[in-house]
Protein backbone atom coordinates (compact mmCIF):
# COMPACT_ATOMS: atom_id res chain seq x y z
CA MET A 1 -208.00 -25.52 119.08
CA MET A 2 -209.76 -22.65 117.54
CA ASN A 3 -213.38 -24.38 116.16
CA HIS A 4 -214.75 -23.58 112.56
CA THR A 5 -217.06 -20.90 113.84
CA HIS A 6 -214.72 -18.94 115.92
CA PHE A 7 -212.28 -18.54 112.85
CA LEU A 8 -214.92 -17.23 110.76
CA SER A 9 -215.82 -15.01 113.08
CA PHE A 10 -212.10 -13.95 113.41
CA GLN A 11 -211.93 -13.44 109.56
CA LYS A 12 -214.56 -11.59 109.55
CA ASN A 13 -213.81 -9.23 112.06
CA LYS A 14 -210.52 -8.46 110.75
CA ARG A 15 -212.05 -7.46 106.98
CA PHE A 16 -214.62 -5.73 108.76
CA THR A 17 -211.41 -3.33 110.80
CA LEU A 18 -209.17 -3.42 107.67
CA LEU A 19 -212.22 -1.86 106.08
CA THR A 20 -213.35 0.56 108.40
CA HIS A 21 -209.33 1.52 109.46
CA LEU A 22 -207.69 1.68 106.11
CA PRO A 23 -209.47 4.26 104.07
CA TRP A 24 -209.24 6.96 107.06
CA LEU A 25 -205.66 6.01 107.14
CA ILE A 26 -205.20 6.83 103.28
CA CYS A 27 -207.46 9.85 103.70
CA SER A 28 -205.33 11.18 106.69
CA GLY A 29 -201.91 10.18 105.09
CA VAL A 30 -203.07 12.23 101.89
CA ILE A 31 -203.72 15.24 103.59
CA PHE A 32 -200.73 15.18 105.82
CA VAL A 33 -199.03 14.97 102.28
CA LEU A 34 -200.95 17.88 100.77
CA LEU A 35 -200.48 19.97 103.90
CA TRP A 36 -196.55 19.45 104.08
CA LYS A 37 -196.32 20.32 100.70
CA PHE A 38 -198.40 23.75 100.35
CA ARG A 39 -198.31 24.90 103.72
CA VAL A 40 -197.96 28.61 103.96
CA ASP A 41 -195.55 30.55 106.75
CA PHE A 42 -198.00 33.62 106.51
CA PRO A 43 -200.99 35.08 108.89
CA HIS A 44 -204.46 34.84 107.51
CA LEU A 45 -207.31 37.08 108.08
CA ASP A 46 -207.93 37.40 112.15
CA GLU A 47 -204.36 35.34 112.94
CA TRP A 48 -203.01 39.09 112.49
CA GLU A 49 -204.38 39.89 116.02
CA ALA A 50 -201.43 38.02 117.24
CA PHE A 51 -199.60 41.11 116.26
CA ASN A 52 -201.13 43.32 118.51
CA LEU A 53 -199.07 45.45 120.79
CA ASN A 54 -197.79 43.06 123.65
CA ALA A 55 -200.03 40.15 122.70
CA LEU A 56 -196.52 38.18 122.01
CA ASP A 57 -194.21 39.63 124.74
CA SER A 58 -191.54 37.63 126.33
CA LYS A 59 -193.25 37.48 129.47
CA LEU A 60 -197.55 36.05 128.92
CA ASN A 61 -199.96 38.67 128.11
CA TRP A 62 -202.87 37.17 130.25
CA ASN A 63 -205.22 39.20 129.06
CA TRP A 64 -204.84 38.34 125.43
CA ILE A 65 -204.26 34.65 126.10
CA ILE A 66 -207.55 34.01 128.17
CA GLY A 67 -209.40 36.89 126.20
CA PHE A 68 -211.80 36.93 123.99
CA HIS A 69 -210.92 36.30 120.02
CA ASN A 70 -213.78 37.53 117.93
CA GLU A 71 -216.70 36.13 120.03
CA HIS A 72 -214.72 33.39 121.72
CA HIS A 73 -212.01 32.24 124.14
CA ILE A 74 -209.25 30.28 122.59
CA VAL A 75 -206.95 29.81 125.27
CA PHE A 76 -205.07 26.91 124.16
CA THR A 77 -204.94 28.20 120.50
CA THR A 78 -203.27 31.67 122.25
CA PHE A 79 -200.98 30.11 124.03
CA LEU A 80 -199.83 27.65 121.50
CA THR A 81 -199.16 30.64 119.02
CA TRP A 82 -197.13 32.71 121.86
CA LEU A 83 -195.21 29.55 122.89
CA LEU A 84 -194.67 28.76 118.85
CA TYR A 85 -193.44 32.95 118.47
CA HIS A 86 -190.83 32.42 121.12
CA LEU A 87 -189.25 28.76 120.04
CA ASN A 88 -189.21 29.61 116.08
CA GLY A 89 -190.58 33.05 115.41
CA TRP A 90 -194.17 31.45 115.01
CA ASP A 91 -193.57 28.91 111.86
CA ILE A 92 -197.48 29.04 110.66
CA GLY A 93 -196.30 25.97 108.62
CA ILE A 94 -195.11 24.26 111.97
CA ASN A 95 -198.52 25.17 113.79
CA ILE A 96 -200.50 23.61 110.48
CA LEU A 97 -198.42 20.55 111.13
CA ILE A 98 -199.87 20.73 114.87
CA ASN A 99 -202.76 21.20 113.95
CA PHE A 100 -202.91 17.86 111.85
CA GLY A 101 -201.32 16.29 115.04
CA LEU A 102 -204.46 17.21 116.98
CA TYR A 103 -206.55 15.94 114.71
CA PHE A 104 -205.01 12.64 113.78
CA GLY A 105 -204.96 11.97 117.79
CA SER A 106 -208.58 12.92 117.49
CA LEU A 107 -209.17 10.27 115.32
CA VAL A 108 -206.96 7.43 117.06
CA LEU A 109 -208.95 8.74 120.49
CA LEU A 110 -212.39 7.99 118.50
CA LEU A 111 -211.22 4.73 117.25
CA LEU A 112 -210.42 3.68 120.89
CA ILE A 113 -213.76 4.62 122.24
CA ALA A 114 -215.27 2.97 119.37
CA LYS A 115 -213.65 -0.16 120.58
CA LYS A 116 -214.17 0.22 123.85
CA THR A 117 -217.99 0.55 123.39
CA LYS A 118 -218.42 -1.93 120.44
CA SER A 119 -219.62 0.71 118.54
CA GLY A 120 -219.50 -1.04 115.28
CA LEU A 121 -220.56 1.22 112.24
CA PHE A 122 -220.19 4.60 114.33
CA PHE A 123 -216.56 5.00 113.73
CA PRO A 124 -216.35 4.90 110.17
CA LEU A 125 -219.77 7.19 109.91
CA ALA A 126 -218.31 9.34 112.53
CA MET A 127 -214.92 9.81 110.32
CA ILE A 128 -216.70 11.21 107.15
CA PRO A 129 -216.64 14.80 108.47
CA LEU A 130 -213.33 14.75 109.43
CA VAL A 131 -211.12 13.45 106.52
CA SER A 132 -213.49 15.23 104.17
CA MET A 133 -213.16 18.51 102.62
CA MET A 134 -215.54 19.79 105.83
CA SER A 135 -212.21 19.87 107.66
CA LEU A 136 -209.87 21.77 105.35
CA GLU A 137 -210.23 25.11 106.64
CA ASN A 138 -209.49 23.53 110.19
CA LEU A 139 -206.18 22.32 108.65
CA THR A 140 -204.73 25.02 106.57
CA TRP A 141 -205.78 27.89 109.39
CA ALA A 142 -203.38 28.14 112.00
CA PHE A 143 -205.74 29.69 114.83
CA GLN A 144 -208.26 26.79 113.48
CA SER A 145 -206.12 24.44 116.35
CA GLN A 146 -209.27 25.83 118.31
CA PHE A 147 -211.41 23.44 117.02
CA PHE A 148 -208.91 20.37 117.36
CA PHE A 149 -208.53 21.54 120.95
CA CYS A 150 -211.71 21.41 121.60
CA LEU A 151 -212.42 18.27 119.63
CA LEU A 152 -209.59 16.69 121.53
CA PHE A 153 -210.62 17.30 124.99
CA LEU A 154 -213.97 16.21 124.41
CA LEU A 155 -213.38 12.77 123.24
CA LEU A 156 -210.64 12.40 126.06
CA ALA A 157 -213.05 13.29 128.67
CA ILE A 158 -215.37 10.46 126.99
CA PHE A 159 -212.45 7.97 127.10
CA PHE A 160 -212.04 8.88 130.70
CA GLY A 161 -215.10 9.44 131.73
CA VAL A 162 -217.12 6.44 129.84
CA THR A 163 -214.80 3.86 128.73
CA GLN A 164 -212.50 3.19 131.90
CA SER A 165 -213.07 1.76 135.10
CA PHE A 166 -214.90 4.04 137.76
CA SER A 167 -212.32 5.54 139.54
CA VAL A 168 -211.78 9.29 140.91
CA LEU A 169 -208.86 9.56 139.05
CA ASN A 170 -210.56 9.21 135.80
CA ARG A 171 -213.51 10.97 136.96
CA CYS A 172 -211.03 13.94 137.63
CA ILE A 173 -209.57 13.67 134.55
CA ALA A 174 -212.78 13.44 132.53
CA ILE A 175 -213.68 16.69 134.46
CA LEU A 176 -210.27 18.87 133.70
CA CYS A 177 -210.89 17.51 130.08
CA LEU A 178 -214.71 19.31 130.02
CA ILE A 179 -213.53 22.53 131.39
CA ALA A 180 -209.73 22.44 128.96
CA CYS A 181 -212.53 21.78 125.90
CA GLN A 182 -214.69 24.42 127.08
CA TYR A 183 -212.08 26.98 127.18
CA SER A 184 -210.61 25.66 124.04
CA PHE A 185 -213.17 26.94 121.81
CA SER A 186 -216.37 28.86 124.25
CA ALA A 187 -218.75 31.30 122.49
CA GLY A 188 -219.48 34.46 123.53
CA ILE A 189 -219.76 38.14 121.69
CA GLY A 190 -217.16 39.32 124.69
CA VAL A 191 -218.91 42.38 124.92
CA THR A 192 -221.36 43.69 127.71
CA VAL A 193 -224.40 45.28 126.02
CA ASP A 194 -226.35 48.40 127.76
CA ALA A 195 -228.29 51.34 127.17
CA ASN A 196 -225.20 52.94 127.23
CA ASP A 197 -224.12 51.72 123.56
CA PHE A 198 -227.02 53.19 122.01
CA LEU A 199 -227.92 56.79 120.65
CA SER A 200 -231.58 55.80 122.03
CA THR A 201 -233.42 52.96 123.81
CA ASP A 202 -236.76 54.71 123.36
CA GLU A 203 -239.32 52.66 121.61
CA THR A 204 -241.88 55.10 120.71
CA LEU A 205 -239.47 56.18 118.42
CA LEU A 206 -241.04 52.71 116.27
CA ILE A 207 -243.97 54.66 115.61
CA ALA A 208 -242.69 57.96 114.46
CA PRO A 209 -244.16 59.11 111.30
CA ARG A 210 -242.40 58.62 107.91
CA GLN A 211 -240.25 60.84 106.02
CA THR A 212 -242.31 62.85 103.39
CA ASP A 213 -240.93 60.61 100.07
CA GLY A 214 -242.49 57.85 102.32
CA SER A 215 -239.50 56.06 103.71
CA LEU A 216 -239.19 54.47 107.15
CA PRO A 217 -238.44 57.57 109.75
CA ASN A 218 -234.72 58.02 110.14
CA VAL A 219 -234.35 58.05 114.34
CA ASN A 220 -232.23 56.67 116.60
CA PHE A 221 -233.51 53.85 117.94
CA LEU A 222 -230.80 51.11 118.89
CA LYS A 223 -228.20 53.23 116.72
CA LEU A 224 -224.82 52.76 118.31
CA LYS A 225 -222.91 55.71 120.18
CA GLN A 226 -219.29 56.58 118.71
CA GLY A 227 -216.80 54.55 121.39
CA SER A 228 -219.31 51.72 121.70
CA ASP A 229 -217.45 48.31 122.15
CA LEU A 230 -220.39 46.76 119.81
CA ILE A 231 -218.24 48.47 116.84
CA ASP A 232 -216.99 46.20 114.49
CA LYS A 233 -217.53 43.06 116.60
CA GLY A 234 -219.85 41.35 114.40
CA MET A 235 -218.92 38.72 111.60
CA ASN A 236 -218.56 39.03 107.86
CA LEU A 237 -220.90 37.15 106.12
CA GLY A 238 -220.32 38.87 103.07
CA PHE A 239 -222.62 41.76 103.38
CA PRO A 240 -221.35 45.58 103.06
CA PHE A 241 -220.07 47.54 105.93
CA PHE A 242 -218.17 49.97 107.30
CA GLY A 243 -214.69 49.20 109.36
CA ILE A 244 -212.74 46.08 109.80
CA ALA A 245 -215.58 44.10 110.76
CA PRO A 246 -219.77 44.51 110.85
CA ASP A 247 -221.22 46.38 113.99
CA LEU A 248 -223.51 44.04 116.18
CA GLY A 249 -226.79 45.56 116.23
CA ALA A 250 -229.79 46.40 114.17
CA PHE A 251 -227.59 48.96 112.47
CA GLU A 252 -224.00 49.71 110.86
CA SER A 253 -222.61 52.67 112.01
CA GLU A 254 -220.28 54.83 110.33
CA TYR A 255 -217.67 54.92 113.10
CA LEU A 256 -213.33 54.32 112.66
CA THR A 257 -210.66 53.85 115.03
CA THR A 258 -208.88 56.74 114.96
CA VAL A 259 -205.26 55.88 115.94
CA THR A 260 -203.15 52.77 116.15
CA ASP A 261 -199.45 53.56 117.77
CA LEU A 262 -196.43 52.00 115.95
CA LYS A 263 -194.41 52.06 118.97
CA ASN A 264 -195.81 52.68 122.89
CA ASP A 265 -192.22 54.21 123.73
CA GLY A 266 -192.80 57.94 122.31
CA GLY A 267 -192.59 56.62 118.48
CA ILE A 268 -194.70 57.62 115.51
CA LEU A 269 -198.59 57.13 115.17
CA PHE A 270 -200.72 56.99 112.15
CA TYR A 271 -204.18 57.37 111.65
CA PRO A 272 -207.04 56.77 110.59
CA ASN A 273 -207.43 52.72 110.51
CA PRO A 274 -209.26 51.64 108.78
CA ALA A 275 -208.04 54.62 106.12
CA GLN A 276 -209.84 55.37 102.81
CA GLN A 277 -207.78 57.96 100.81
CA ILE A 278 -205.06 59.84 103.17
CA LEU A 279 -202.70 58.04 106.29
CA TYR A 280 -201.65 60.70 108.54
CA PHE A 281 -198.47 60.66 110.66
CA ASN A 282 -197.75 62.75 113.87
CA HIS A 283 -194.30 63.73 112.23
CA ARG A 284 -191.97 63.11 109.54
CA THR A 285 -190.83 59.64 109.29
CA SER A 286 -187.53 58.41 107.34
CA HIS A 287 -188.64 56.08 105.53
CA VAL A 288 -191.97 54.33 104.64
CA GLU A 289 -192.96 50.73 103.00
CA ILE A 290 -196.38 49.49 102.44
CA LEU A 291 -196.38 45.78 101.62
CA ASP A 292 -199.53 43.51 100.78
CA ILE A 293 -200.45 40.14 102.41
CA GLN A 294 -198.40 38.29 100.22
CA GLY A 295 -195.51 40.08 101.38
CA LYS A 296 -194.64 41.94 98.00
CA SER A 297 -193.55 45.68 98.53
CA VAL A 298 -196.32 47.98 97.04
CA TYR A 299 -194.84 51.42 98.14
CA SER A 300 -191.63 52.85 99.34
CA GLY A 301 -190.76 56.58 99.91
CA GLU A 302 -188.91 58.81 102.31
CA ASN A 303 -189.61 61.77 104.48
CA ILE A 304 -193.37 61.08 104.41
CA LEU A 305 -195.87 63.03 106.81
CA GLU A 306 -199.02 61.53 104.97
CA LEU A 307 -199.50 59.02 102.32
CA ASN A 308 -202.23 59.08 99.49
CA LEU A 309 -203.56 55.56 99.60
CA SER A 310 -205.50 56.05 96.40
CA ALA A 311 -203.76 53.66 94.08
CA LEU A 312 -204.31 50.43 96.69
CA LYS A 313 -206.95 47.89 96.75
CA ASN A 314 -208.91 47.56 99.32
CA GLY A 315 -207.56 44.91 101.62
CA ILE A 316 -204.71 44.57 104.87
CA TYR A 317 -201.34 45.66 104.23
CA LEU A 318 -198.30 45.89 106.64
CA LEU A 319 -196.79 49.38 107.20
CA LYS A 320 -192.87 49.37 107.97
CA VAL A 321 -191.41 52.72 109.42
CA LYS A 322 -188.10 53.61 110.02
CA GLU A 323 -187.11 56.55 111.82
CA ALA A 324 -183.64 57.61 112.66
CA ASP A 325 -184.17 57.58 116.41
CA TYR A 326 -186.00 54.15 116.68
CA ASP A 327 -185.45 50.33 115.21
CA ILE A 328 -188.23 49.76 112.17
CA SER A 329 -192.02 49.16 113.43
CA VAL A 330 -194.13 47.03 111.30
CA ARG A 331 -197.77 47.25 112.11
CA LYS A 332 -200.80 46.13 110.23
CA PHE A 333 -203.76 48.84 108.73
CA ILE A 334 -206.69 48.44 106.43
CA LYS A 335 -207.63 50.32 103.44
CA ILE A 336 -211.18 50.46 103.11
């Protein structure tokens, strides 16, 4: 028969469990309902990278899967994108719900770890960032599955490496999970930096005399060469830049991507991309349509050799081109 002390202890633990589990279950349920109701099947910012040439071919493009996305390896995210594309045309709304599944699985694992290690208040405190608005971007952006893959594999490594009995199998699983965690979201700039990236690395230019108006000397020290792989490899922090992204380095260059091909089988070409005023084609096209990022048509014309973009606002657009001899081609371009 359970004595009075044990009964009170059981009731206390039951109330504590209820107080720690119920809030995050409610928050998770609310988040799921909001995601289900307001999910949008449309790429966001650098998710357009998935539409680069050959990225989503029927055969896995390993250069894209294991290559750098901006400054990260996001192997499981790019593989998930490729898989969903071939299953349902990459329904981004479904991708967002999968992100929630990864997120919820991480919460469950964190709960199991807290229970195994008897961490007390550790679990409810750890829940605060995961059920708050801090996670909103990660849950509403398909490519942010990288964050949840990383978290999930890390927690799996802790679960098998720390909370389970010592065995070769558990340790091997933990090591594999840590490797998977690293390739889910590993940092790096994705480029090699050397002197060939710059017009000059001569440090004596730093003590060159000022200009006649008193301003700093205009020298080539650490200014990027045209064609450097540091161009457009930075992160947009809200400061002005030229091109599709800031350059890496001390100075912003004014070099643009020159040509983006719509088809790799002898189809049309357009340039420059990004474009400021005029977009040129290598020959006349039967029909051209421009769509904004909401999918709304903002221009349509026929027999086009060049396009005046002055009426368009700066931003990302889709260029839809119909040729008599080719299928419809759709590519992204940027108006700056």
